[in-house]
Amino acid sequence: MNRVVILHGNGNSHGTDDWYPYIKSNLEVIGVECLTPDIPDNVLARKKFWFPYFTDVLKLGPDDIIIGASSGALAILKYAEDHKIGASILVGTYYTDLGYEDERTSGYFETPWNWEKIKANQKWTVIFASTDDPYIPISEPKFIRDQLGSEYFEFSDRGHFGSHKNPTLEFPELLEFLKSKLND
């Protein structure tokens, strides 16, 4: 794998948000390139803006490990239906609009999910989920796990794995998992 790219969720950026700097700095210490871009349209995370950015600017491809947080995880799943990527790490992930109008208008729910293509277009997936996530019921990441045969880590005390109200500044479990995959 060439590099790691962290895709933020709705309303986030990568300057100092949550655990993104922790992962980036720890990967750089071991010589792994890690990108933490501020993706355009960061409040709504709409497909029509994100996918061209993934293809034309980030040039995501089969040698990249993509870490997606929340809507970043949703986006990379949908992107993997039609694009080869190396692998994905999905944090606080979901597959339905969760009853939110902003989610419905994002463009990710216009077509049915093609789980077989998502699985075939990457080497592996892993999911990090928490039973106390205030936005995403635990049934959402469990369903994705079952569709993709993903490795799965479930917590009971991580909420949505960071937010402006309750930032998670370190994420050692994700880092250790990622390091183990980079050494494969």
N, C-alpha and C. Protein backbone atom coordinates (compact mmCIF):
# COMPACT_ATOMS: atom_id res chain seq x y z
N MET A 1 0.84 -1.18 0.00
CA MET A 1 0.00 0.00 0.00
C MET A 1 0.89 1.24 0.00
N ASN A 2 0.51 2.21 -0.78
CA ASN A 2 1.29 3.44 -0.93
C ASN A 2 1.09 4.44 0.19
N ARG A 3 -0.17 4.77 0.44
CA ARG A 3 -0.45 5.87 1.37
C ARG A 3 -1.79 5.63 2.06
N VAL A 4 -2.00 6.43 3.09
CA VAL A 4 -3.25 6.41 3.84
C VAL A 4 -3.91 7.77 3.64
N VAL A 5 -5.21 7.77 3.39
CA VAL A 5 -5.97 9.00 3.21
C VAL A 5 -7.12 8.97 4.20
N ILE A 6 -7.25 10.02 5.00
CA ILE A 6 -8.34 10.12 5.97
C ILE A 6 -9.40 11.07 5.42
N LEU A 7 -10.62 10.56 5.30
CA LEU A 7 -11.75 11.34 4.81
C LEU A 7 -12.63 11.71 5.99
N HIS A 8 -12.78 13.00 6.22
CA HIS A 8 -13.58 13.48 7.35
C HIS A 8 -15.07 13.32 7.08
N GLY A 9 -15.85 13.57 8.11
CA GLY A 9 -17.30 13.52 8.00
C GLY A 9 -17.90 14.90 7.82
N ASN A 10 -19.22 14.95 7.80
CA ASN A 10 -19.96 16.22 7.66
C ASN A 10 -19.48 17.24 8.69
N GLY A 11 -19.19 18.43 8.23
CA GLY A 11 -18.86 19.53 9.13
C GLY A 11 -17.45 19.51 9.69
N ASN A 12 -16.69 18.51 9.37
CA ASN A 12 -15.32 18.43 9.89
C ASN A 12 -14.32 18.91 8.84
N SER A 13 -13.10 19.10 9.32
CA SER A 13 -11.95 19.33 8.46
C SER A 13 -10.80 18.59 9.13
N HIS A 14 -9.63 18.72 8.60
CA HIS A 14 -8.54 17.92 9.14
C HIS A 14 -7.45 18.69 9.86
N GLY A 15 -7.54 19.97 9.93
CA GLY A 15 -6.49 20.72 10.59
C GLY A 15 -6.15 20.18 11.96
N THR A 16 -7.12 20.16 12.84
CA THR A 16 -6.88 19.68 14.20
C THR A 16 -8.04 18.83 14.70
N ASP A 17 -8.93 18.39 13.83
CA ASP A 17 -10.11 17.67 14.28
C ASP A 17 -9.78 16.28 14.82
N ASP A 18 -10.35 16.01 15.98
CA ASP A 18 -10.42 14.68 16.54
C ASP A 18 -9.09 13.93 16.50
N TRP A 19 -9.11 12.68 16.08
CA TRP A 19 -7.96 11.79 16.11
C TRP A 19 -7.16 11.82 14.81
N TYR A 20 -7.58 12.62 13.85
CA TYR A 20 -6.87 12.65 12.56
C TYR A 20 -5.40 13.04 12.70
N PRO A 21 -5.07 14.10 13.44
CA PRO A 21 -3.64 14.45 13.58
C PRO A 21 -2.83 13.37 14.30
N TYR A 22 -3.46 12.69 15.24
CA TYR A 22 -2.79 11.59 15.95
C TYR A 22 -2.39 10.48 14.98
N ILE A 23 -3.32 10.05 14.15
CA ILE A 23 -3.03 8.99 13.17
C ILE A 23 -1.97 9.48 12.19
N LYS A 24 -2.16 10.67 11.65
CA LYS A 24 -1.23 11.21 10.66
C LYS A 24 0.19 11.30 11.21
N SER A 25 0.36 11.89 12.37
CA SER A 25 1.72 12.06 12.92
C SER A 25 2.37 10.73 13.24
N ASN A 26 1.61 9.77 13.75
CA ASN A 26 2.17 8.46 14.06
C ASN A 26 2.55 7.68 12.81
N LEU A 27 1.79 7.84 11.75
CA LEU A 27 2.15 7.17 10.49
C LEU A 27 3.38 7.81 9.87
N GLU A 28 3.46 9.12 9.92
CA GLU A 28 4.62 9.80 9.33
C GLU A 28 5.92 9.42 10.04
N VAL A 29 5.84 9.17 11.34
CA VAL A 29 7.02 8.74 12.11
C VAL A 29 7.59 7.44 11.55
N ILE A 30 6.71 6.56 11.07
CA ILE A 30 7.18 5.28 10.53
C ILE A 30 7.32 5.31 9.01
N GLY A 31 7.26 6.51 8.43
CA GLY A 31 7.52 6.67 7.00
C GLY A 31 6.34 6.41 6.09
N VAL A 32 5.12 6.45 6.60
CA VAL A 32 3.94 6.24 5.78
C VAL A 32 3.32 7.60 5.45
N GLU A 33 3.10 7.85 4.17
CA GLU A 33 2.44 9.09 3.76
C GLU A 33 0.98 9.04 4.18
N CYS A 34 0.51 10.10 4.80
CA CYS A 34 -0.89 10.17 5.24
C CYS A 34 -1.45 11.53 4.86
N LEU A 35 -2.51 11.52 4.07
CA LEU A 35 -3.17 12.75 3.66
C LEU A 35 -4.42 12.96 4.51
N THR A 36 -4.62 14.20 4.92
CA THR A 36 -5.82 14.57 5.66
C THR A 36 -6.43 15.81 5.01
N PRO A 37 -6.98 15.64 3.81
CA PRO A 37 -7.47 16.81 3.06
C PRO A 37 -8.75 17.38 3.63
N ASP A 38 -8.93 18.68 3.42
CA ASP A 38 -10.21 19.32 3.68
C ASP A 38 -11.02 19.19 2.38
N ILE A 39 -12.00 18.34 2.41
CA ILE A 39 -12.76 18.03 1.21
C ILE A 39 -13.80 19.13 0.98
N PRO A 40 -13.98 19.57 -0.27
CA PRO A 40 -14.98 20.60 -0.55
C PRO A 40 -16.38 20.14 -0.13
N ASP A 41 -17.24 21.10 0.11
CA ASP A 41 -18.63 20.81 0.50
C ASP A 41 -18.64 19.99 1.79
N ASN A 42 -17.82 20.42 2.75
CA ASN A 42 -17.65 19.61 3.96
C ASN A 42 -18.87 19.59 4.87
N VAL A 43 -19.80 20.50 4.73
CA VAL A 43 -20.97 20.50 5.60
C VAL A 43 -21.99 19.45 5.14
N LEU A 44 -22.22 19.34 3.84
CA LEU A 44 -23.20 18.39 3.33
C LEU A 44 -22.58 17.11 2.77
N ALA A 45 -21.30 17.13 2.44
CA ALA A 45 -20.59 15.95 1.95
C ALA A 45 -21.28 15.30 0.75
N ARG A 46 -21.68 16.11 -0.20
CA ARG A 46 -22.43 15.58 -1.34
C ARG A 46 -21.54 14.88 -2.34
N LYS A 47 -22.06 13.77 -2.82
CA LYS A 47 -21.38 12.91 -3.79
C LYS A 47 -20.93 13.68 -5.03
N LYS A 48 -21.76 14.59 -5.52
CA LYS A 48 -21.43 15.30 -6.76
C LYS A 48 -20.18 16.17 -6.63
N PHE A 49 -19.81 16.53 -5.42
CA PHE A 49 -18.56 17.28 -5.19
C PHE A 49 -17.43 16.36 -4.72
N TRP A 50 -17.78 15.38 -3.91
CA TRP A 50 -16.74 14.53 -3.32
C TRP A 50 -16.11 13.57 -4.33
N PHE A 51 -16.93 12.90 -5.15
CA PHE A 51 -16.35 11.90 -6.05
C PHE A 51 -15.37 12.49 -7.06
N PRO A 52 -15.68 13.63 -7.69
CA PRO A 52 -14.68 14.23 -8.57
C PRO A 52 -13.39 14.60 -7.81
N TYR A 53 -13.52 15.04 -6.58
CA TYR A 53 -12.35 15.37 -5.76
C TYR A 53 -11.53 14.10 -5.48
N PHE A 54 -12.21 12.99 -5.18
CA PHE A 54 -11.51 11.73 -4.94
C PHE A 54 -10.71 11.30 -6.17
N THR A 55 -11.33 11.45 -7.33
CA THR A 55 -10.72 10.98 -8.58
C THR A 55 -9.68 11.95 -9.12
N ASP A 56 -10.04 13.23 -9.21
CA ASP A 56 -9.20 14.20 -9.90
C ASP A 56 -8.12 14.83 -9.03
N VAL A 57 -8.40 15.02 -7.76
CA VAL A 57 -7.43 15.68 -6.87
C VAL A 57 -6.66 14.66 -6.04
N LEU A 58 -7.38 13.82 -5.30
CA LEU A 58 -6.71 12.83 -4.46
C LEU A 58 -6.17 11.66 -5.26
N LYS A 59 -6.80 11.39 -6.40
CA LYS A 59 -6.42 10.27 -7.26
C LYS A 59 -6.38 8.96 -6.47
N LEU A 60 -7.49 8.70 -5.75
CA LEU A 60 -7.59 7.48 -4.96
C LEU A 60 -7.49 6.27 -5.87
N GLY A 61 -6.76 5.26 -5.41
CA GLY A 61 -6.57 4.10 -6.26
C GLY A 61 -6.26 2.83 -5.49
N PRO A 62 -5.86 1.79 -6.21
CA PRO A 62 -5.72 0.45 -5.63
C PRO A 62 -4.56 0.29 -4.65
N ASP A 63 -3.73 1.29 -4.50
CA ASP A 63 -2.65 1.21 -3.52
C ASP A 63 -2.92 2.04 -2.27
N ASP A 64 -4.11 2.60 -2.16
CA ASP A 64 -4.43 3.49 -1.03
C ASP A 64 -5.30 2.80 0.01
N ILE A 65 -4.98 3.03 1.26
CA ILE A 65 -5.86 2.67 2.37
C ILE A 65 -6.63 3.94 2.72
N ILE A 66 -7.94 3.84 2.68
CA ILE A 66 -8.78 5.00 2.95
C ILE A 66 -9.44 4.81 4.31
N ILE A 67 -9.25 5.79 5.18
CA ILE A 67 -9.95 5.81 6.46
C ILE A 67 -11.09 6.81 6.32
N GLY A 68 -12.31 6.34 6.46
CA GLY A 68 -13.47 7.21 6.36
C GLY A 68 -14.15 7.34 7.71
N ALA A 69 -14.40 8.56 8.13
CA ALA A 69 -15.10 8.81 9.38
C ALA A 69 -16.52 9.30 9.07
N SER A 70 -17.51 8.62 9.58
CA SER A 70 -18.92 9.01 9.44
C SER A 70 -19.29 9.13 7.96
N SER A 71 -19.66 10.31 7.48
CA SER A 71 -20.02 10.43 6.07
C SER A 71 -18.83 10.17 5.15
N GLY A 72 -17.61 10.31 5.66
CA GLY A 72 -16.43 9.92 4.89
C GLY A 72 -16.41 8.41 4.66
N ALA A 73 -16.86 7.64 5.67
CA ALA A 73 -16.95 6.19 5.52
C ALA A 73 -18.05 5.82 4.52
N LEU A 74 -19.18 6.48 4.65
CA LEU A 74 -20.28 6.26 3.72
C LEU A 74 -19.81 6.53 2.29
N ALA A 75 -19.14 7.64 2.09
CA ALA A 75 -18.69 8.04 0.75
C ALA A 75 -17.71 7.03 0.17
N ILE A 76 -16.77 6.55 0.96
CA ILE A 76 -15.79 5.62 0.40
C ILE A 76 -16.43 4.28 0.08
N LEU A 77 -17.43 3.88 0.84
CA LEU A 77 -18.15 2.65 0.50
C LEU A 77 -18.81 2.78 -0.86
N LYS A 78 -19.52 3.88 -1.06
CA LYS A 78 -20.22 4.08 -2.34
C LYS A 78 -19.22 4.25 -3.48
N TYR A 79 -18.12 4.95 -3.22
CA TYR A 79 -17.07 5.13 -4.23
C TYR A 79 -16.49 3.79 -4.66
N ALA A 80 -16.34 2.87 -3.71
CA ALA A 80 -15.75 1.56 -4.00
C ALA A 80 -16.66 0.68 -4.85
N GLU A 81 -17.89 1.08 -5.06
CA GLU A 81 -18.74 0.32 -5.98
C GLU A 81 -18.20 0.36 -7.40
N ASP A 82 -17.60 1.49 -7.77
CA ASP A 82 -17.15 1.67 -9.16
C ASP A 82 -15.67 1.98 -9.31
N HIS A 83 -14.93 1.96 -8.19
CA HIS A 83 -13.50 2.31 -8.24
C HIS A 83 -12.70 1.35 -7.37
N LYS A 84 -11.56 0.94 -7.88
CA LYS A 84 -10.66 0.10 -7.09
C LYS A 84 -9.90 0.96 -6.10
N ILE A 85 -9.90 0.52 -4.84
CA ILE A 85 -9.07 1.13 -3.81
C ILE A 85 -8.33 -0.01 -3.11
N GLY A 86 -7.31 0.32 -2.34
CA GLY A 86 -6.56 -0.73 -1.66
C GLY A 86 -7.39 -1.38 -0.58
N ALA A 87 -7.88 -0.58 0.35
CA ALA A 87 -8.64 -1.08 1.49
C ALA A 87 -9.34 0.10 2.16
N SER A 88 -10.29 -0.22 3.05
CA SER A 88 -10.96 0.86 3.77
C SER A 88 -11.11 0.53 5.25
N ILE A 89 -10.95 1.58 6.04
CA ILE A 89 -11.20 1.54 7.48
C ILE A 89 -12.38 2.46 7.71
N LEU A 90 -13.48 1.92 8.22
CA LEU A 90 -14.74 2.64 8.34
C LEU A 90 -15.01 2.92 9.81
N VAL A 91 -15.08 4.20 10.17
CA VAL A 91 -15.26 4.61 11.56
C VAL A 91 -16.61 5.33 11.67
N GLY A 92 -17.48 4.81 12.53
CA GLY A 92 -18.80 5.43 12.67
C GLY A 92 -19.57 5.38 11.37
N THR A 93 -19.65 4.21 10.76
CA THR A 93 -20.21 4.08 9.42
C THR A 93 -21.69 3.72 9.44
N TYR A 94 -22.33 3.94 8.31
CA TYR A 94 -23.75 3.67 8.15
C TYR A 94 -24.05 3.48 6.68
N TYR A 95 -25.28 3.02 6.37
CA TYR A 95 -25.65 2.79 4.97
C TYR A 95 -27.04 3.30 4.62
N THR A 96 -27.77 3.85 5.61
CA THR A 96 -29.08 4.43 5.33
C THR A 96 -29.02 5.93 5.58
N ASP A 97 -30.07 6.65 5.21
CA ASP A 97 -30.06 8.10 5.44
C ASP A 97 -30.36 8.47 6.89
N LEU A 98 -30.62 7.48 7.72
CA LEU A 98 -30.83 7.67 9.16
C LEU A 98 -31.99 8.61 9.48
N GLY A 99 -32.83 8.89 8.48
CA GLY A 99 -33.96 9.78 8.69
C GLY A 99 -33.63 11.26 8.61
N TYR A 100 -32.42 11.60 8.15
CA TYR A 100 -32.00 13.00 8.06
C TYR A 100 -32.14 13.51 6.63
N GLU A 101 -32.75 14.67 6.47
CA GLU A 101 -32.92 15.28 5.14
C GLU A 101 -31.58 15.55 4.47
N ASP A 102 -30.60 16.07 5.22
CA ASP A 102 -29.27 16.33 4.64
C ASP A 102 -28.65 15.06 4.08
N GLU A 103 -28.85 13.96 4.75
CA GLU A 103 -28.33 12.68 4.26
C GLU A 103 -29.05 12.26 2.98
N ARG A 104 -30.37 12.41 2.97
CA ARG A 104 -31.15 12.02 1.78
C ARG A 104 -30.69 12.77 0.54
N THR A 105 -30.30 14.03 0.70
CA THR A 105 -29.92 14.85 -0.46
C THR A 105 -28.44 14.72 -0.82
N SER A 106 -27.70 13.87 -0.12
CA SER A 106 -26.25 13.75 -0.36
C SER A 106 -25.92 13.07 -1.68
N GLY A 107 -26.83 12.26 -2.19
CA GLY A 107 -26.57 11.54 -3.44
C GLY A 107 -26.10 10.11 -3.24
N TYR A 108 -25.89 9.68 -2.02
CA TYR A 108 -25.38 8.33 -1.77
C TYR A 108 -26.48 7.27 -1.71
N PHE A 109 -27.73 7.69 -1.64
CA PHE A 109 -28.82 6.74 -1.45
C PHE A 109 -29.73 6.63 -2.67
N GLU A 110 -29.27 7.16 -3.80
CA GLU A 110 -30.09 7.17 -5.01
C GLU A 110 -30.16 5.81 -5.69
N THR A 111 -29.17 4.97 -5.46
CA THR A 111 -29.14 3.64 -6.06
C THR A 111 -28.92 2.61 -4.96
N PRO A 112 -29.38 1.39 -5.19
CA PRO A 112 -29.17 0.34 -4.19
C PRO A 112 -27.68 0.06 -4.00
N TRP A 113 -27.32 -0.41 -2.83
CA TRP A 113 -25.93 -0.76 -2.54
C TRP A 113 -25.56 -2.02 -3.30
N ASN A 114 -24.35 -2.03 -3.86
CA ASN A 114 -23.83 -3.22 -4.52
C ASN A 114 -22.67 -3.75 -3.67
N TRP A 115 -23.03 -4.51 -2.66
CA TRP A 115 -22.04 -4.98 -1.68
C TRP A 115 -20.97 -5.86 -2.31
N GLU A 116 -21.35 -6.66 -3.28
CA GLU A 116 -20.35 -7.54 -3.93
C GLU A 116 -19.28 -6.72 -4.66
N LYS A 117 -19.68 -5.66 -5.35
CA LYS A 117 -18.70 -4.82 -6.03
C LYS A 117 -17.83 -4.07 -5.02
N ILE A 118 -18.43 -3.57 -3.94
CA ILE A 118 -17.66 -2.88 -2.91
C ILE A 118 -16.59 -3.81 -2.36
N LYS A 119 -16.97 -5.03 -2.09
CA LYS A 119 -16.03 -6.02 -1.54
C LYS A 119 -14.96 -6.38 -2.58
N ALA A 120 -15.37 -6.58 -3.82
CA ALA A 120 -14.43 -6.99 -4.88
C ALA A 120 -13.42 -5.90 -5.23
N ASN A 121 -13.77 -4.64 -5.02
CA ASN A 121 -12.91 -3.53 -5.43
C ASN A 121 -11.90 -3.10 -4.38
N GLN A 122 -11.73 -3.92 -3.33
CA GLN A 122 -10.71 -3.64 -2.34
C GLN A 122 -10.24 -4.94 -1.68
N LYS A 123 -9.06 -4.89 -1.10
CA LYS A 123 -8.48 -6.09 -0.52
C LYS A 123 -9.12 -6.46 0.82
N TRP A 124 -9.46 -5.48 1.61
CA TRP A 124 -10.08 -5.74 2.92
C TRP A 124 -10.79 -4.49 3.42
N THR A 125 -11.66 -4.71 4.41
CA THR A 125 -12.33 -3.61 5.11
C THR A 125 -12.33 -3.94 6.60
N VAL A 126 -12.35 -2.90 7.39
CA VAL A 126 -12.50 -3.05 8.84
C VAL A 126 -13.44 -1.94 9.32
N ILE A 127 -14.20 -2.26 10.35
CA ILE A 127 -15.17 -1.31 10.90
C ILE A 127 -14.88 -1.09 12.38
N PHE A 128 -14.91 0.18 12.79
CA PHE A 128 -14.85 0.57 14.20
C PHE A 128 -16.20 1.21 14.53
N ALA A 129 -16.91 0.62 15.50
CA ALA A 129 -18.25 1.09 15.85
C ALA A 129 -18.38 1.19 17.37
N SER A 130 -19.36 1.96 17.81
CA SER A 130 -19.61 2.08 19.25
C SER A 130 -21.10 2.02 19.53
N THR A 131 -21.47 1.25 20.54
CA THR A 131 -22.88 1.10 20.89
C THR A 131 -23.50 2.38 21.43
N ASP A 132 -22.67 3.33 21.88
CA ASP A 132 -23.21 4.58 22.41
C ASP A 132 -23.11 5.74 21.42
N ASP A 133 -22.97 5.42 20.13
CA ASP A 133 -22.94 6.46 19.10
C ASP A 133 -24.30 7.15 19.09
N PRO A 134 -24.34 8.48 19.31
CA PRO A 134 -25.63 9.17 19.39
C PRO A 134 -26.31 9.37 18.03
N TYR A 135 -25.59 9.13 16.94
CA TYR A 135 -26.14 9.37 15.61
C TYR A 135 -26.43 8.08 14.84
N ILE A 136 -25.66 7.04 15.10
CA ILE A 136 -25.72 5.84 14.27
C ILE A 136 -26.05 4.62 15.14
N PRO A 137 -27.21 4.01 14.92
CA PRO A 137 -27.53 2.79 15.65
C PRO A 137 -26.52 1.68 15.32
N ILE A 138 -26.19 0.87 16.29
CA ILE A 138 -25.18 -0.17 16.09
C ILE A 138 -25.59 -1.17 15.01
N SER A 139 -26.87 -1.25 14.70
CA SER A 139 -27.32 -2.14 13.63
C SER A 139 -26.75 -1.74 12.27
N GLU A 140 -26.46 -0.47 12.07
CA GLU A 140 -25.92 0.00 10.77
C GLU A 140 -24.53 -0.59 10.49
N PRO A 141 -23.54 -0.38 11.37
CA PRO A 141 -22.23 -0.98 11.08
C PRO A 141 -22.25 -2.51 11.11
N LYS A 142 -23.10 -3.10 11.92
CA LYS A 142 -23.19 -4.57 11.93
C LYS A 142 -23.70 -5.09 10.60
N PHE A 143 -24.67 -4.40 10.01
CA PHE A 143 -25.19 -4.80 8.71
C PHE A 143 -24.08 -4.73 7.66
N ILE A 144 -23.32 -3.65 7.66
CA ILE A 144 -22.22 -3.50 6.69
C ILE A 144 -21.19 -4.60 6.90
N ARG A 145 -20.84 -4.86 8.16
CA ARG A 145 -19.90 -5.95 8.48
C ARG A 145 -20.38 -7.25 7.84
N ASP A 146 -21.66 -7.57 8.00
CA ASP A 146 -22.18 -8.82 7.49
C ASP A 146 -22.18 -8.87 5.96
N GLN A 147 -22.41 -7.73 5.31
CA GLN A 147 -22.42 -7.69 3.85
C GLN A 147 -21.02 -7.86 3.27
N LEU A 148 -20.02 -7.28 3.94
CA LEU A 148 -18.66 -7.25 3.39
C LEU A 148 -17.73 -8.28 4.02
N GLY A 149 -18.15 -8.92 5.08
CA GLY A 149 -17.24 -9.84 5.78
C GLY A 149 -16.08 -9.08 6.41
N SER A 150 -16.36 -7.88 6.87
CA SER A 150 -15.32 -7.00 7.42
C SER A 150 -14.83 -7.48 8.78
N GLU A 151 -13.58 -7.15 9.07
CA GLU A 151 -13.13 -7.23 10.45
C GLU A 151 -13.91 -6.16 11.20
N TYR A 152 -14.13 -6.37 12.50
CA TYR A 152 -15.07 -5.52 13.21
C TYR A 152 -14.61 -5.33 14.65
N PHE A 153 -14.59 -4.06 15.08
CA PHE A 153 -14.25 -3.72 16.46
C PHE A 153 -15.40 -2.89 17.02
N GLU A 154 -15.98 -3.37 18.12
CA GLU A 154 -17.11 -2.68 18.72
C GLU A 154 -16.74 -2.21 20.12
N PHE A 155 -17.04 -0.95 20.39
CA PHE A 155 -16.80 -0.34 21.69
C PHE A 155 -18.13 0.05 22.31
N SER A 156 -18.11 0.38 23.58
CA SER A 156 -19.34 0.83 24.24
C SER A 156 -19.22 2.25 24.79
N ASP A 157 -18.06 2.87 24.55
CA ASP A 157 -17.80 4.17 25.18
C ASP A 157 -17.12 5.19 24.26
N ARG A 158 -17.29 5.07 22.97
CA ARG A 158 -16.62 5.97 22.04
C ARG A 158 -17.54 6.94 21.35
N GLY A 159 -18.84 6.83 21.56
CA GLY A 159 -19.76 7.74 20.90
C GLY A 159 -19.58 7.69 19.39
N HIS A 160 -19.46 8.86 18.79
CA HIS A 160 -19.28 8.96 17.34
C HIS A 160 -17.80 9.12 16.99
N PHE A 161 -16.94 8.66 17.88
CA PHE A 161 -15.48 8.69 17.69
C PHE A 161 -14.98 10.11 17.48
N GLY A 162 -15.53 11.01 18.27
CA GLY A 162 -15.07 12.38 18.22
C GLY A 162 -16.10 13.32 17.65
N SER A 163 -16.07 14.50 18.15
CA SER A 163 -16.89 15.59 17.65
C SER A 163 -16.37 16.85 18.29
N HIS A 164 -16.87 17.97 17.87
CA HIS A 164 -16.42 19.22 18.47
C HIS A 164 -16.80 19.30 19.94
N LYS A 165 -17.90 18.63 20.32
CA LYS A 165 -18.34 18.65 21.71
C LYS A 165 -17.53 17.70 22.58
N ASN A 166 -17.10 16.57 22.00
CA ASN A 166 -16.40 15.55 22.76
C ASN A 166 -15.30 14.93 21.90
N PRO A 167 -14.22 15.66 21.67
CA PRO A 167 -13.20 15.16 20.75
C PRO A 167 -12.47 13.92 21.29
N THR A 168 -12.20 13.01 20.39
CA THR A 168 -11.35 11.85 20.68
C THR A 168 -10.01 12.17 20.05
N LEU A 169 -9.03 12.49 20.87
CA LEU A 169 -7.76 12.98 20.33
C LEU A 169 -6.77 11.88 19.99
N GLU A 170 -6.99 10.69 20.54
CA GLU A 170 -6.12 9.55 20.21
C GLU A 170 -7.01 8.38 19.82
N PHE A 171 -6.45 7.50 19.04
CA PHE A 171 -7.20 6.33 18.60
C PHE A 171 -6.19 5.19 18.42
N PRO A 172 -5.60 4.71 19.53
CA PRO A 172 -4.53 3.71 19.44
C PRO A 172 -4.98 2.39 18.82
N GLU A 173 -6.22 2.02 18.99
CA GLU A 173 -6.70 0.75 18.41
C GLU A 173 -6.66 0.81 16.88
N LEU A 174 -7.09 1.91 16.33
CA LEU A 174 -7.04 2.07 14.88
C LEU A 174 -5.59 2.10 14.41
N LEU A 175 -4.75 2.82 15.11
CA LEU A 175 -3.34 2.92 14.73
C LEU A 175 -2.67 1.55 14.74
N GLU A 176 -2.88 0.78 15.79
CA GLU A 176 -2.25 -0.55 15.88
C GLU A 176 -2.77 -1.48 14.81
N PHE A 177 -4.07 -1.44 14.54
CA PHE A 177 -4.63 -2.26 13.48
C PHE A 177 -4.00 -1.89 12.14
N LEU A 178 -3.92 -0.60 11.88
CA LEU A 178 -3.36 -0.12 10.62
C LEU A 178 -1.90 -0.52 10.48
N LYS A 179 -1.13 -0.38 11.52
CA LYS A 179 0.28 -0.78 11.48
C LYS A 179 0.40 -2.27 11.17
N SER A 180 -0.47 -3.08 11.74
CA SER A 180 -0.41 -4.53 11.46
C SER A 180 -0.70 -4.81 9.99
N LYS A 181 -1.63 -4.07 9.40
CA LYS A 181 -1.94 -4.26 7.97
C LYS A 181 -0.83 -3.75 7.08
N LEU A 182 -0.18 -2.67 7.49
CA LEU A 182 0.93 -2.14 6.69
C LEU A 182 2.12 -3.09 6.68
N ASN A 183 2.22 -3.93 7.71
CA ASN A 183 3.32 -4.88 7.79
C ASN A 183 3.03 -6.21 7.10
N ASP A 184 1.79 -6.39 6.63
CA ASP A 184 1.42 -7.65 5.93
C ASP A 184 2.13 -7.76 4.60
